Amino acid sequence: EAGADCAETRSVEAVINSGCLRAKLLRPYDFAHRAKPLADAISRMEDPFDCECTLLALMYLNAAMAGARTMLTGLDGEHAVGAPSNYIRRLIGGGSWTEAWRESKGFSRHYYRGALSPPVIFFRALRSSLTPELLRSTKRKLATHRRYRQLVAPAALPAGLARRVDLPGRLVEYELGRCAKSNAAIRDWHRHVMQVPYLTAAVERYERLASYFGVETRHPLLDVRLLRFSNALPLAQKVRDGWSKYMLRSLADKRLPATVAWREGWEEIGWKFNFKLAEALLPDSGLSVATSPSPYPVDHLDRINSSGPPRYDPDLIRSWRDFQFHLWLSRGNLVFPG
């Protein structure tokens, strides 16, 4: 909403006021005019994961309604021009103690905004750098096993299905692909994260979601020429004084207000559109949309699909994820008691 006390909204307005572009605005109260075409798109979605990105879907819909054929995304700036989240530990491991302390102070100020003090960040990185690789590997295995146990809990995923699809093996493979070797050089780490399978899955997801609205999506930050250039840059061009994506911020500072280029934090407004979707599809339901995901009760699926269209059951829908999965199951045609 215009004038809202919201960091994301203020940044959007600052970009518009800079005069660099012609803005096409999408506000939460515009949802009423887009509920029907959005529901039509949801009815064609082939993957329950696609239902979760309400704001992204609305952006594609907005583009299509404006006659646009292509949309650019920021996927994935953090990987394209970023640095590993444990870069302070890597600095300590390389003997750059002074630089590591400076980055700890910047990371505390710009990323955590004081929630973690510089000494805490520094000594955590120091402790991690002193941890033997064998112990680190053991901790990863235990974490993977714990995650598996959570996924096959009775309220989440039947153990029989987990065994049939080899979920333990998939989780191990995912973890191996997600984490580069702890002693890998920065450039080796960067090459690794540019090719991780989950980044490919994210690209496919963006493009699949856009296809429901007849829009093509493109990812300029994943241009192979930019990736090669970025990989060759020194660490100080990727992160400096606790600022992630330092190269992009420096370029943005030449064209955009400093409050945008050097913005701290990560507030976003996607949840406002999630609430609008819930309000439109669950009128007078009293649904409380939780902000954290909860396991979906798979053992109730037969009950949901047994006779006619799925019905909204407040005992089953305990979170936003549950609601979205319920919506996908119903193909956008929920039926409500009363």
C-alpha atoms as a PDB file:
ATOM      1  CA  GLU A   1       0.000   0.000   0.000  1.00  0.00           C
ATOM      2  CA  ALA A   2       1.100   3.555  -0.688  1.00  0.00           C
ATOM      3  CA  GLY A   3       2.653   5.217   2.335  1.00  0.00           C
ATOM      4  CA  ALA A   4       2.974   1.968   4.293  1.00  0.00           C
ATOM      5  CA  ASP A   5       5.668   1.894   6.972  1.00  0.00           C
ATOM      6  CA  CYS A   6       7.488  -0.963   5.251  1.00  0.00           C
ATOM      7  CA  ALA A   7      11.162  -1.142   4.219  1.00  0.00           C
ATOM      8  CA  GLU A   8      10.362  -3.001   0.993  1.00  0.00           C
ATOM      9  CA  THR A   9       7.663  -0.501   0.001  1.00  0.00           C
ATOM     10  CA  ARG A  10       9.976   2.447   0.701  1.00  0.00           C
ATOM     11  CA  SER A  11      12.656   0.873  -1.492  1.00  0.00           C
ATOM     12  CA  VAL A  12      10.193   0.291  -4.338  1.00  0.00           C
ATOM     13  CA  GLU A  13       8.985   3.892  -4.122  1.00  0.00           C
ATOM     14  CA  ALA A  14      12.589   5.166  -4.094  1.00  0.00           C
ATOM     15  CA  VAL A  15      13.353   3.259  -7.318  1.00  0.00           C
ATOM     16  CA  ILE A  16      10.199   4.646  -8.969  1.00  0.00           C
ATOM     17  CA  ASN A  17      11.007   8.196  -7.886  1.00  0.00           C
ATOM     18  CA  SER A  18      14.522   7.914  -9.338  1.00  0.00           C
ATOM     19  CA  GLY A  19      12.962   8.188 -12.811  1.00  0.00           C
ATOM     20  CA  CYS A  20      14.933   5.252 -14.239  1.00  0.00           C
ATOM     21  CA  LEU A  21      11.867   3.329 -15.366  1.00  0.00           C
ATOM     22  CA  ARG A  22       8.159   3.330 -16.073  1.00  0.00           C
ATOM     23  CA  ALA A  23       6.474   1.567 -13.168  1.00  0.00           C
ATOM     24  CA  LYS A  24       3.645  -0.955 -13.363  1.00  0.00           C
ATOM     25  CA  LEU A  25       2.396  -1.222  -9.805  1.00  0.00           C
ATOM     26  CA  LEU A  26       0.813  -4.194  -8.067  1.00  0.00           C
ATOM     27  CA  ARG A  27      -0.706  -3.521  -4.654  1.00  0.00           C
ATOM     28  CA  PRO A  28      -2.376  -5.936  -2.220  1.00  0.00           C
ATOM     29  CA  TYR A  29      -5.798  -4.343  -2.711  1.00  0.00           C
ATOM     30  CA  ASP A  30      -5.535  -5.035  -6.468  1.00  0.00           C
ATOM     31  CA  PHE A  31      -5.977  -8.729  -5.689  1.00  0.00           C
ATOM     32  CA  ALA A  32      -9.769  -8.655  -6.131  1.00  0.00           C
ATOM     33  CA  HIS A  33      -9.353  -7.897  -9.852  1.00  0.00           C
ATOM     34  CA  ARG A  34      -6.944 -10.804 -10.329  1.00  0.00           C
ATOM     35  CA  ALA A  35      -8.412 -13.538  -8.142  1.00  0.00           C
ATOM     36  CA  LYS A  36     -10.288 -15.256 -10.994  1.00  0.00           C
ATOM     37  CA  PRO A  37      -7.386 -15.506 -13.512  1.00  0.00           C
ATOM     38  CA  LEU A  38      -5.059 -16.540 -10.665  1.00  0.00           C
ATOM     39  CA  ALA A  39      -7.469 -19.313  -9.646  1.00  0.00           C
ATOM     40  CA  ASP A  40      -7.651 -20.411 -13.299  1.00  0.00           C
ATOM     41  CA  ALA A  41      -3.853 -20.652 -13.398  1.00  0.00           C
ATOM     42  CA  ILE A  42      -3.766 -22.601 -10.133  1.00  0.00           C
ATOM     43  CA  SER A  43      -6.229 -25.095 -11.618  1.00  0.00           C
ATOM     44  CA  ARG A  44      -3.643 -25.920 -14.319  1.00  0.00           C
ATOM     45  CA  MET A  45      -0.569 -26.124 -12.098  1.00  0.00           C
ATOM     46  CA  GLU A  46       1.203 -29.457 -12.224  1.00  0.00           C
ATOM     47  CA  ASP A  47       3.265 -29.158  -9.048  1.00  0.00           C
ATOM     48  CA  PRO A  48       2.032 -28.244  -5.531  1.00  0.00           C
ATOM     49  CA  PHE A  49       5.199 -26.199  -5.000  1.00  0.00           C
ATOM     50  CA  ASP A  50       4.040 -23.740  -7.688  1.00  0.00           C
ATOM     51  CA  CYS A  51       1.079 -22.619  -5.589  1.00  0.00           C
ATOM     52  CA  GLU A  52       3.275 -21.144  -2.883  1.00  0.00           C
ATOM     53  CA  CYS A  53       4.591 -18.136  -4.843  1.00  0.00           C
ATOM     54  CA  THR A  54       1.492 -15.966  -4.793  1.00  0.00           C
ATOM     55  CA  LEU A  55       3.363 -12.702  -5.383  1.00  0.00           C
ATOM     56  CA  LEU A  56       5.541 -14.128  -8.166  1.00  0.00           C
ATOM     57  CA  ALA A  57       2.466 -15.580  -9.874  1.00  0.00           C
ATOM     58  CA  LEU A  58       0.706 -12.215  -9.610  1.00  0.00           C
ATOM     59  CA  MET A  59       3.741 -10.469 -11.136  1.00  0.00           C
ATOM     60  CA  TYR A  60       3.614 -12.831 -14.116  1.00  0.00           C
ATOM     61  CA  LEU A  61      -0.157 -12.295 -14.356  1.00  0.00           C
ATOM     62  CA  ASN A  62       0.306  -8.512 -14.179  1.00  0.00           C
ATOM     63  CA  ALA A  63       2.879  -8.694 -16.961  1.00  0.00           C
ATOM     64  CA  ALA A  64       0.563 -10.776 -19.137  1.00  0.00           C
ATOM     65  CA  MET A  65      -2.374  -8.383 -18.545  1.00  0.00           C
ATOM     66  CA  ALA A  66      -0.118  -5.476 -19.576  1.00  0.00           C
ATOM     67  CA  GLY A  67       0.782  -7.231 -22.832  1.00  0.00           C
ATOM     68  CA  ALA A  68       4.343  -8.052 -21.816  1.00  0.00           C
ATOM     69  CA  ARG A  69       6.008 -11.147 -23.229  1.00  0.00           C
ATOM     70  CA  THR A  70       9.184 -11.336 -21.130  1.00  0.00           C
ATOM     71  CA  MET A  71      10.072 -10.770 -17.485  1.00  0.00           C
ATOM     72  CA  LEU A  72      13.554 -10.512 -15.988  1.00  0.00           C
ATOM     73  CA  THR A  73      14.291 -12.045 -12.596  1.00  0.00           C
ATOM     74  CA  GLY A  74      17.008 -11.562  -9.997  1.00  0.00           C
ATOM     75  CA  LEU A  75      17.675 -15.292  -9.771  1.00  0.00           C
ATOM     76  CA  ASP A  76      20.188 -15.890  -8.354  1.00  0.00           C
ATOM     77  CA  GLY A  77      22.176 -12.790  -7.437  1.00  0.00           C
ATOM     78  CA  GLU A  78      23.535 -14.246  -4.225  1.00  0.00           C
ATOM     79  CA  HIS A  79      25.174 -17.121  -6.082  1.00  0.00           C
ATOM     80  CA  ALA A  80      26.125 -15.173  -9.187  1.00  0.00           C
ATOM     81  CA  VAL A  81      28.069 -12.372  -7.504  1.00  0.00           C
ATOM     82  CA  GLY A  82      28.150 -13.499  -3.881  1.00  0.00           C
ATOM     83  CA  ALA A  83      30.440 -15.288  -1.483  1.00  0.00           C
ATOM     84  CA  PRO A  84      30.025 -18.310   0.804  1.00  0.00           C
ATOM     85  CA  SER A  85      28.111 -17.609   4.002  1.00  0.00           C
ATOM     86  CA  ASN A  86      31.095 -18.965   5.957  1.00  0.00           C
ATOM     87  CA  TYR A  87      33.592 -16.669   4.246  1.00  0.00           C
ATOM     88  CA  ILE A  88      34.739 -15.257   7.600  1.00  0.00           C
ATOM     89  CA  ARG A  89      35.815 -18.760   8.647  1.00  0.00           C
ATOM     90  CA  ARG A  90      37.681 -19.094   5.364  1.00  0.00           C
ATOM     91  CA  LEU A  91      39.483 -15.795   6.022  1.00  0.00           C
ATOM     92  CA  ILE A  92      40.566 -17.050   9.445  1.00  0.00           C
ATOM     93  CA  GLY A  93      41.701 -20.346   7.933  1.00  0.00           C
ATOM     94  CA  GLY A  94      43.823 -18.410   5.450  1.00  0.00           C
ATOM     95  CA  GLY A  95      45.457 -16.354   8.190  1.00  0.00           C
ATOM     96  CA  SER A  96      43.616 -13.093   7.374  1.00  0.00           C
ATOM     97  CA  TRP A  97      42.696 -12.370  10.993  1.00  0.00           C
ATOM     98  CA  THR A  98      42.409  -8.585  10.715  1.00  0.00           C
ATOM     99  CA  GLU A  99      40.217  -8.843   7.647  1.00  0.00           C
ATOM    100  CA  ALA A 100      38.076 -11.483   9.353  1.00  0.00           C
ATOM    101  CA  TRP A 101      37.515  -9.174  12.344  1.00  0.00           C
ATOM    102  CA  ARG A 102      36.574  -6.273  10.045  1.00  0.00           C
ATOM    103  CA  GLU A 103      34.089  -8.474   8.212  1.00  0.00           C
ATOM    104  CA  SER A 104      32.646  -9.693  11.526  1.00  0.00           C
ATOM    105  CA  LYS A 105      31.925  -6.081  12.496  1.00  0.00           C
ATOM    106  CA  GLY A 106      30.355  -5.336   9.108  1.00  0.00           C
ATOM    107  CA  PHE A 107      28.351  -8.566   9.102  1.00  0.00           C
ATOM    108  CA  SER A 108      26.989  -7.754  12.554  1.00  0.00           C
ATOM    109  CA  ARG A 109      25.944  -4.262  11.478  1.00  0.00           C
ATOM    110  CA  HIS A 110      24.591  -4.832   7.967  1.00  0.00           C
ATOM    111  CA  TYR A 111      23.308  -8.401   7.950  1.00  0.00           C
ATOM    112  CA  TYR A 112      22.283  -9.126  11.540  1.00  0.00           C
ATOM    113  CA  ARG A 113      21.687  -5.450  12.369  1.00  0.00           C
ATOM    114  CA  GLY A 114      23.126  -5.932  15.843  1.00  0.00           C
ATOM    115  CA  ALA A 115      21.290  -9.157  16.683  1.00  0.00           C
ATOM    116  CA  LEU A 116      24.695 -10.895  16.827  1.00  0.00           C
ATOM    117  CA  SER A 117      27.730  -9.000  18.097  1.00  0.00           C
ATOM    118  CA  PRO A 118      31.063  -8.968  16.202  1.00  0.00           C
ATOM    119  CA  PRO A 119      32.850 -11.084  18.864  1.00  0.00           C
ATOM    120  CA  VAL A 120      30.135 -13.760  18.679  1.00  0.00           C
ATOM    121  CA  ILE A 121      30.378 -13.919  14.874  1.00  0.00           C
ATOM    122  CA  PHE A 122      34.178 -13.936  14.961  1.00  0.00           C
ATOM    123  CA  PHE A 123      34.552 -16.640  17.599  1.00  0.00           C
ATOM    124  CA  ARG A 124      31.927 -18.841  15.966  1.00  0.00           C
ATOM    125  CA  ALA A 125      33.924 -18.615  12.748  1.00  0.00           C
ATOM    126  CA  LEU A 126      37.120 -19.333  14.691  1.00  0.00           C
ATOM    127  CA  ARG A 127      35.584 -22.380  16.358  1.00  0.00           C
ATOM    128  CA  SER A 128      34.351 -23.638  12.997  1.00  0.00           C
ATOM    129  CA  SER A 129      37.796 -23.178  11.429  1.00  0.00           C
ATOM    130  CA  LEU A 130      39.326 -25.310  14.205  1.00  0.00           C
ATOM    131  CA  THR A 131      36.762 -28.108  13.833  1.00  0.00           C
ATOM    132  CA  PRO A 132      38.342 -31.230  12.265  1.00  0.00           C
ATOM    133  CA  GLU A 133      36.891 -32.265   8.918  1.00  0.00           C
ATOM    134  CA  LEU A 134      35.939 -35.699  10.323  1.00  0.00           C
ATOM    135  CA  LEU A 135      33.825 -34.090  13.050  1.00  0.00           C
ATOM    136  CA  ARG A 136      32.278 -31.689  10.523  1.00  0.00           C
ATOM    137  CA  SER A 137      31.356 -34.598   8.239  1.00  0.00           C
ATOM    138  CA  THR A 138      29.850 -36.527  11.162  1.00  0.00           C
ATOM    139  CA  LYS A 139      27.710 -33.541  12.156  1.00  0.00           C
ATOM    140  CA  ARG A 140      26.423 -33.233   8.583  1.00  0.00           C
ATOM    141  CA  LYS A 141      25.467 -36.910   8.545  1.00  0.00           C
ATOM    142  CA  LEU A 142      23.628 -36.587  11.853  1.00  0.00           C
ATOM    143  CA  ALA A 143      21.782 -33.509  10.601  1.00  0.00           C
ATOM    144  CA  THR A 144      20.782 -35.349   7.425  1.00  0.00           C
ATOM    145  CA  HIS A 145      19.538 -38.316   9.465  1.00  0.00           C
ATOM    146  CA  ARG A 146      17.555 -35.987  11.741  1.00  0.00           C
ATOM    147  CA  ARG A 147      15.982 -34.327   8.733  1.00  0.00           C
ATOM    148  CA  TYR A 148      15.037 -37.733   7.326  1.00  0.00           C
ATOM    149  CA  ARG A 149      13.351 -38.701  10.621  1.00  0.00           C
ATOM    150  CA  GLN A 150      11.348 -35.458  10.531  1.00  0.00           C
ATOM    151  CA  LEU A 151      10.214 -36.079   6.960  1.00  0.00           C
ATOM    152  CA  VAL A 152       8.995 -39.596   7.652  1.00  0.00           C
ATOM    153  CA  ALA A 153       7.212 -38.633  10.874  1.00  0.00           C
ATOM    154  CA  PRO A 154       3.606 -39.947  10.883  1.00  0.00           C
ATOM    155  CA  ALA A 155       2.186 -36.484  10.185  1.00  0.00           C
ATOM    156  CA  ALA A 156       4.474 -35.790   7.243  1.00  0.00           C
ATOM    157  CA  LEU A 157       5.472 -38.659   4.943  1.00  0.00           C
ATOM    158  CA  PRO A 158       4.700 -42.393   5.142  1.00  0.00           C
ATOM    159  CA  ALA A 159       7.829 -44.473   5.777  1.00  0.00           C
ATOM    160  CA  GLY A 160       6.867 -46.899   2.995  1.00  0.00           C
ATOM    161  CA  LEU A 161       6.872 -44.124   0.423  1.00  0.00           C
ATOM    162  CA  ALA A 162      10.194 -42.823   1.763  1.00  0.00           C
ATOM    163  CA  ARG A 163      11.782 -46.228   1.239  1.00  0.00           C
ATOM    164  CA  ARG A 164      10.315 -46.677  -2.250  1.00  0.00           C
ATOM    165  CA  VAL A 165      11.752 -43.372  -3.490  1.00  0.00           C
ATOM    166  CA  ASP A 166      15.041 -43.863  -1.579  1.00  0.00           C
ATOM    167  CA  LEU A 167      14.590 -40.679   0.419  1.00  0.00           C
ATOM    168  CA  PRO A 168      17.712 -41.317   2.577  1.00  0.00           C
ATOM    169  CA  GLY A 169      19.875 -41.543  -0.545  1.00  0.00           C
ATOM    170  CA  ARG A 170      18.263 -38.456  -2.029  1.00  0.00           C
ATOM    171  CA  LEU A 171      18.923 -36.425   1.115  1.00  0.00           C
ATOM    172  CA  VAL A 172      22.571 -37.501   1.215  1.00  0.00           C
ATOM    173  CA  GLU A 173      22.983 -36.597  -2.456  1.00  0.00           C
ATOM    174  CA  TYR A 174      21.308 -33.243  -1.867  1.00  0.00           C
ATOM    175  CA  GLU A 175      23.590 -32.402   1.052  1.00  0.00           C
ATOM    176  CA  LEU A 176      26.691 -33.428  -0.907  1.00  0.00           C
ATOM    177  CA  GLY A 177      25.610 -31.232  -3.802  1.00  0.00           C
ATOM    178  CA  ARG A 178      24.645 -28.298  -1.595  1.00  0.00           C
ATOM    179  CA  CYS A 179      27.919 -28.011   0.309  1.00  0.00           C
ATOM    180  CA  ALA A 180      31.256 -27.505  -1.336  1.00  0.00           C
ATOM    181  CA  LYS A 181      34.261 -28.950   0.494  1.00  0.00           C
ATOM    182  CA  SER A 182      34.998 -26.872   3.571  1.00  0.00           C
ATOM    183  CA  ASN A 183      38.611 -26.331   2.526  1.00  0.00           C
ATOM    184  CA  ALA A 184      37.769 -25.433  -1.084  1.00  0.00           C
ATOM    185  CA  ALA A 185      39.152 -22.173  -2.419  1.00  0.00           C
ATOM    186  CA  ILE A 186      36.655 -19.340  -2.916  1.00  0.00           C
ATOM    187  CA  ARG A 187      36.696 -19.711  -6.701  1.00  0.00           C
ATOM    188  CA  ASP A 188      36.175 -23.476  -6.430  1.00  0.00           C
ATOM    189  CA  TRP A 189      33.246 -22.844  -4.080  1.00  0.00           C
ATOM    190  CA  HIS A 190      31.828 -20.306  -6.528  1.00  0.00           C
ATOM    191  CA  ARG A 191      32.048 -22.707  -9.483  1.00  0.00           C
ATOM    192  CA  HIS A 192      30.335 -25.330  -7.349  1.00  0.00           C
ATOM    193  CA  VAL A 193      27.312 -23.227  -6.316  1.00  0.00           C
ATOM    194  CA  MET A 194      26.795 -22.023  -9.885  1.00  0.00           C
ATOM    195  CA  GLN A 195      26.044 -25.615 -10.861  1.00  0.00           C
ATOM    196  CA  VAL A 196      24.119 -27.033  -7.883  1.00  0.00           C
ATOM    197  CA  PRO A 197      20.987 -29.022  -8.848  1.00  0.00           C
ATOM    198  CA  TYR A 198      18.654 -26.978  -6.641  1.00  0.00           C
ATOM    199  CA  LEU A 199      19.559 -23.832  -8.615  1.00  0.00           C
ATOM    200  CA  THR A 200      18.562 -25.640 -11.807  1.00  0.00           C
ATOM    201  CA  ALA A 201      15.306 -26.645 -10.097  1.00  0.00           C
ATOM    202  CA  ALA A 202      14.666 -23.021  -9.119  1.00  0.00           C
ATOM    203  CA  VAL A 203      15.185 -21.831 -12.705  1.00  0.00           C
ATOM    204  CA  GLU A 204      12.792 -24.516 -13.953  1.00  0.00           C
ATOM    205  CA  ARG A 205      10.246 -23.530 -11.348  1.00  0.00           C
ATOM    206  CA  TYR A 206      10.312 -19.830 -12.289  1.00  0.00           C
ATOM    207  CA  GLU A 207       9.949 -20.698 -15.971  1.00  0.00           C
ATOM    208  CA  ARG A 208       7.193 -23.246 -15.350  1.00  0.00           C
ATOM    209  CA  LEU A 209       5.224 -20.751 -13.265  1.00  0.00           C
ATOM    210  CA  ALA A 210       5.603 -18.071 -15.965  1.00  0.00           C
ATOM    211  CA  SER A 211       4.351 -20.478 -18.630  1.00  0.00           C
ATOM    212  CA  TYR A 212       0.900 -20.645 -16.972  1.00  0.00           C
ATOM    213  CA  PHE A 213       0.495 -16.964 -17.845  1.00  0.00           C
ATOM    214  CA  GLY A 214       2.029 -17.085 -21.319  1.00  0.00           C
ATOM    215  CA  VAL A 215       5.110 -15.136 -20.221  1.00  0.00           C
ATOM    216  CA  GLU A 216       8.770 -15.980 -20.782  1.00  0.00           C
ATOM    217  CA  THR A 217      11.134 -15.483 -17.866  1.00  0.00           C
ATOM    218  CA  ARG A 218      14.853 -14.779 -18.210  1.00  0.00           C
ATOM    219  CA  HIS A 219      17.653 -14.675 -15.655  1.00  0.00           C
ATOM    220  CA  PRO A 220      20.306 -12.062 -16.585  1.00  0.00           C
ATOM    221  CA  LEU A 221      22.374 -12.671 -13.442  1.00  0.00           C
ATOM    222  CA  LEU A 222      22.897 -16.267 -14.564  1.00  0.00           C
ATOM    223  CA  ASP A 223      24.320 -15.241 -17.945  1.00  0.00           C
ATOM    224  CA  VAL A 224      27.365 -17.464 -18.400  1.00  0.00           C
ATOM    225  CA  ARG A 225      29.542 -14.451 -19.339  1.00  0.00           C
ATOM    226  CA  LEU A 226      28.691 -12.718 -16.058  1.00  0.00           C
ATOM    227  CA  LEU A 227      29.321 -15.929 -14.121  1.00  0.00           C
ATOM    228  CA  ARG A 228      32.789 -16.322 -15.652  1.00  0.00           C
ATOM    229  CA  PHE A 229      33.618 -12.682 -14.933  1.00  0.00           C
ATOM    230  CA  SER A 230      32.309 -12.856 -11.375  1.00  0.00           C
ATOM    231  CA  ASN A 231      34.165 -16.085 -10.633  1.00  0.00           C
ATOM    232  CA  ALA A 232      37.454 -14.430 -11.594  1.00  0.00           C
ATOM    233  CA  LEU A 233      36.946 -11.455  -9.247  1.00  0.00           C
ATOM    234  CA  PRO A 234      38.707 -11.234  -5.871  1.00  0.00           C
ATOM    235  CA  LEU A 235      36.626 -11.849  -2.749  1.00  0.00           C
ATOM    236  CA  ALA A 236      36.592  -8.127  -1.889  1.00  0.00           C
ATOM    237  CA  GLN A 237      34.459  -7.453  -4.999  1.00  0.00           C
ATOM    238  CA  LYS A 238      31.875 -10.016  -3.879  1.00  0.00           C
ATOM    239  CA  VAL A 239      31.616  -9.142  -0.203  1.00  0.00           C
ATOM    240  CA  ARG A 240      33.183  -6.285   1.746  1.00  0.00           C
ATOM    241  CA  ASP A 241      32.645  -4.850   5.234  1.00  0.00           C
ATOM    242  CA  GLY A 242      29.737  -7.243   5.702  1.00  0.00           C
ATOM    243  CA  TRP A 243      27.954  -6.142   2.494  1.00  0.00           C
ATOM    244  CA  SER A 244      26.906  -9.102   0.370  1.00  0.00           C
ATOM    245  CA  LYS A 245      26.811  -8.734  -3.452  1.00  0.00           C
ATOM    246  CA  TYR A 246      29.235  -5.829  -3.127  1.00  0.00           C
ATOM    247  CA  MET A 247      29.806  -5.528  -6.877  1.00  0.00           C
ATOM    248  CA  LEU A 248      26.080  -5.177  -7.617  1.00  0.00           C
ATOM    249  CA  ARG A 249      25.584  -2.676  -4.799  1.00  0.00           C
ATOM    250  CA  SER A 250      28.447  -0.536  -6.098  1.00  0.00           C
ATOM    251  CA  LEU A 251      26.901  -0.487  -9.576  1.00  0.00           C
ATOM    252  CA  ALA A 252      23.416   0.225  -8.186  1.00  0.00           C
ATOM    253  CA  ASP A 253      24.831   3.172  -6.250  1.00  0.00           C
ATOM    254  CA  LYS A 254      25.539   4.920  -9.574  1.00  0.00           C
ATOM    255  CA  ARG A 255      21.878   4.811 -10.671  1.00  0.00           C
ATOM    256  CA  LEU A 256      19.687   4.335  -7.607  1.00  0.00           C
ATOM    257  CA  PRO A 257      19.252   6.028  -4.228  1.00  0.00           C
ATOM    258  CA  ALA A 258      21.794   4.904  -1.623  1.00  0.00           C
ATOM    259  CA  THR A 259      18.940   3.698   0.580  1.00  0.00           C
ATOM    260  CA  VAL A 260      18.257   1.060  -2.064  1.00  0.00           C
ATOM    261  CA  ALA A 261      21.811   0.196  -3.109  1.00  0.00           C
ATOM    262  CA  TRP A 262      22.998  -0.133   0.506  1.00  0.00           C
ATOM    263  CA  ARG A 263      19.807  -1.370   2.084  1.00  0.00           C
ATOM    264  CA  GLU A 264      20.198  -3.543   5.160  1.00  0.00           C
ATOM    265  CA  GLY A 265      17.938  -6.419   6.121  1.00  0.00           C
ATOM    266  CA  TRP A 266      15.704  -8.599   4.005  1.00  0.00           C
ATOM    267  CA  GLU A 267      12.085  -7.543   4.666  1.00  0.00           C
ATOM    268  CA  GLU A 268       9.634  -8.463   1.931  1.00  0.00           C
ATOM    269  CA  ILE A 269       5.904  -8.111   1.312  1.00  0.00           C
ATOM    270  CA  GLY A 270       4.971 -11.435  -0.281  1.00  0.00           C
ATOM    271  CA  TRP A 271       3.065 -12.480   2.837  1.00  0.00           C
ATOM    272  CA  LYS A 272       0.567  -9.646   2.306  1.00  0.00           C
ATOM    273  CA  PHE A 273      -0.506 -11.195  -0.987  1.00  0.00           C
ATOM    274  CA  ASN A 274      -0.678 -14.630   0.647  1.00  0.00           C
ATOM    275  CA  PHE A 275      -3.180 -13.232   3.135  1.00  0.00           C
ATOM    276  CA  LYS A 276      -5.217 -11.677   0.328  1.00  0.00           C
ATOM    277  CA  LEU A 277      -5.395 -15.056  -1.412  1.00  0.00           C
ATOM    278  CA  ALA A 278      -6.489 -16.756   1.823  1.00  0.00           C
ATOM    279  CA  GLU A 279      -9.118 -14.079   2.451  1.00  0.00           C
ATOM    280  CA  ALA A 280     -10.513 -14.432  -1.075  1.00  0.00           C
ATOM    281  CA  LEU A 281     -10.750 -18.226  -0.999  1.00  0.00           C
ATOM    282  CA  LEU A 282     -11.621 -18.740   2.666  1.00  0.00           C
ATOM    283  CA  PRO A 283     -14.247 -16.078   3.440  1.00  0.00           C
ATOM    284  CA  ASP A 284     -15.396 -15.945   7.071  1.00  0.00           C
ATOM    285  CA  SER A 285     -13.457 -19.118   7.836  1.00  0.00           C
ATOM    286  CA  GLY A 286     -11.544 -17.751  10.787  1.00  0.00           C
ATOM    287  CA  LEU A 287      -8.399 -19.332   9.341  1.00  0.00           C
ATOM    288  CA  SER A 288      -5.220 -18.316  11.090  1.00  0.00           C
ATOM    289  CA  VAL A 289      -2.408 -18.409   8.532  1.00  0.00           C
ATOM    290  CA  ALA A 290       0.796 -19.371  10.372  1.00  0.00           C
ATOM    291  CA  THR A 291       4.116 -18.022   9.177  1.00  0.00           C
ATOM    292  CA  SER A 292       6.036 -21.253   9.745  1.00  0.00           C
ATOM    293  CA  PRO A 293       5.406 -24.432   7.744  1.00  0.00           C
ATOM    294  CA  SER A 294       3.926 -27.474   9.429  1.00  0.00           C
ATOM    295  CA  PRO A 295       3.817 -31.045   8.121  1.00  0.00           C
ATOM    296  CA  TYR A 296       0.849 -31.840   5.924  1.00  0.00           C
ATOM    297  CA  PRO A 297      -1.173 -34.817   7.251  1.00  0.00           C
ATOM    298  CA  VAL A 298      -0.775 -37.152   4.298  1.00  0.00           C
ATOM    299  CA  ASP A 299      -2.872 -39.848   5.969  1.00  0.00           C
ATOM    300  CA  HIS A 300      -5.911 -37.565   5.508  1.00  0.00           C
ATOM    301  CA  LEU A 301      -5.551 -37.333   1.718  1.00  0.00           C
ATOM    302  CA  ASP A 302      -7.932 -40.210   1.074  1.00  0.00           C
ATOM    303  CA  ARG A 303     -10.519 -38.522   3.260  1.00  0.00           C
ATOM    304  CA  ILE A 304     -10.048 -35.274   1.330  1.00  0.00           C
ATOM    305  CA  ASN A 305     -10.428 -36.906  -2.092  1.00  0.00           C
ATOM    306  CA  SER A 306     -12.944 -39.608  -1.245  1.00  0.00           C
ATOM    307  CA  SER A 307     -16.195 -37.970  -2.346  1.00  0.00           C
ATOM    308  CA  GLY A 308     -16.562 -34.932  -4.560  1.00  0.00           C
ATOM    309  CA  PRO A 309     -14.458 -31.774  -4.375  1.00  0.00           C
ATOM    310  CA  PRO A 310     -12.129 -31.343  -1.390  1.00  0.00           C
ATOM    311  CA  ARG A 311     -13.607 -29.469   1.537  1.00  0.00           C
ATOM    312  CA  TYR A 312     -11.899 -26.957   3.784  1.00  0.00           C
ATOM    313  CA  ASP A 313     -11.281 -28.591   7.140  1.00  0.00           C
ATOM    314  CA  PRO A 314      -9.841 -26.307   9.841  1.00  0.00           C
ATOM    315  CA  ASP A 315      -8.492 -29.380  11.637  1.00  0.00           C
ATOM    316  CA  LEU A 316      -6.283 -30.191   8.651  1.00  0.00           C
ATOM    317  CA  ILE A 317      -5.086 -26.774   7.537  1.00  0.00           C
ATOM    318  CA  ARG A 318      -2.674 -25.517  10.199  1.00  0.00           C
ATOM    319  CA  SER A 319      -0.375 -23.292   8.179  1.00  0.00           C
ATOM    320  CA  TRP A 320       0.117 -21.420   4.921  1.00  0.00           C
ATOM    321  CA  ARG A 321       1.837 -24.466   3.404  1.00  0.00           C
ATOM    322  CA  ASP A 322      -1.131 -26.651   4.312  1.00  0.00           C
ATOM    323  CA  PHE A 323      -3.539 -24.175   2.755  1.00  0.00           C
ATOM    324  CA  GLN A 324      -1.548 -23.956  -0.464  1.00  0.00           C
ATOM    325  CA  PHE A 325      -1.247 -27.737  -0.747  1.00  0.00           C
ATOM    326  CA  HIS A 326      -4.972 -28.056  -0.079  1.00  0.00           C
ATOM    327  CA  LEU A 327      -5.602 -25.476  -2.794  1.00  0.00           C
ATOM    328  CA  TRP A 328      -3.489 -27.401  -5.280  1.00  0.00           C
ATOM    329  CA  LEU A 329      -5.268 -30.661  -4.495  1.00  0.00           C
ATOM    330  CA  SER A 330      -8.596 -29.006  -5.181  1.00  0.00           C
ATOM    331  CA  ARG A 331      -7.283 -27.436  -8.426  1.00  0.00           C
ATOM    332  CA  GLY A 332      -8.574 -24.062  -7.211  1.00  0.00           C
ATOM    333  CA  ASN A 333     -12.090 -25.307  -6.420  1.00  0.00           C
ATOM    334  CA  LEU A 334     -12.332 -25.548  -2.645  1.00  0.00           C
ATOM    335  CA  VAL A 335     -15.755 -26.188  -1.158  1.00  0.00           C
ATOM    336  CA  PHE A 336     -16.411 -24.790   2.300  1.00  0.00           C
ATOM    337  CA  PRO A 337     -18.733 -26.144   5.040  1.00  0.00           C
ATOM    338  CA  GLY A 338     -21.911 -24.108   5.353  1.00  0.00           C
END
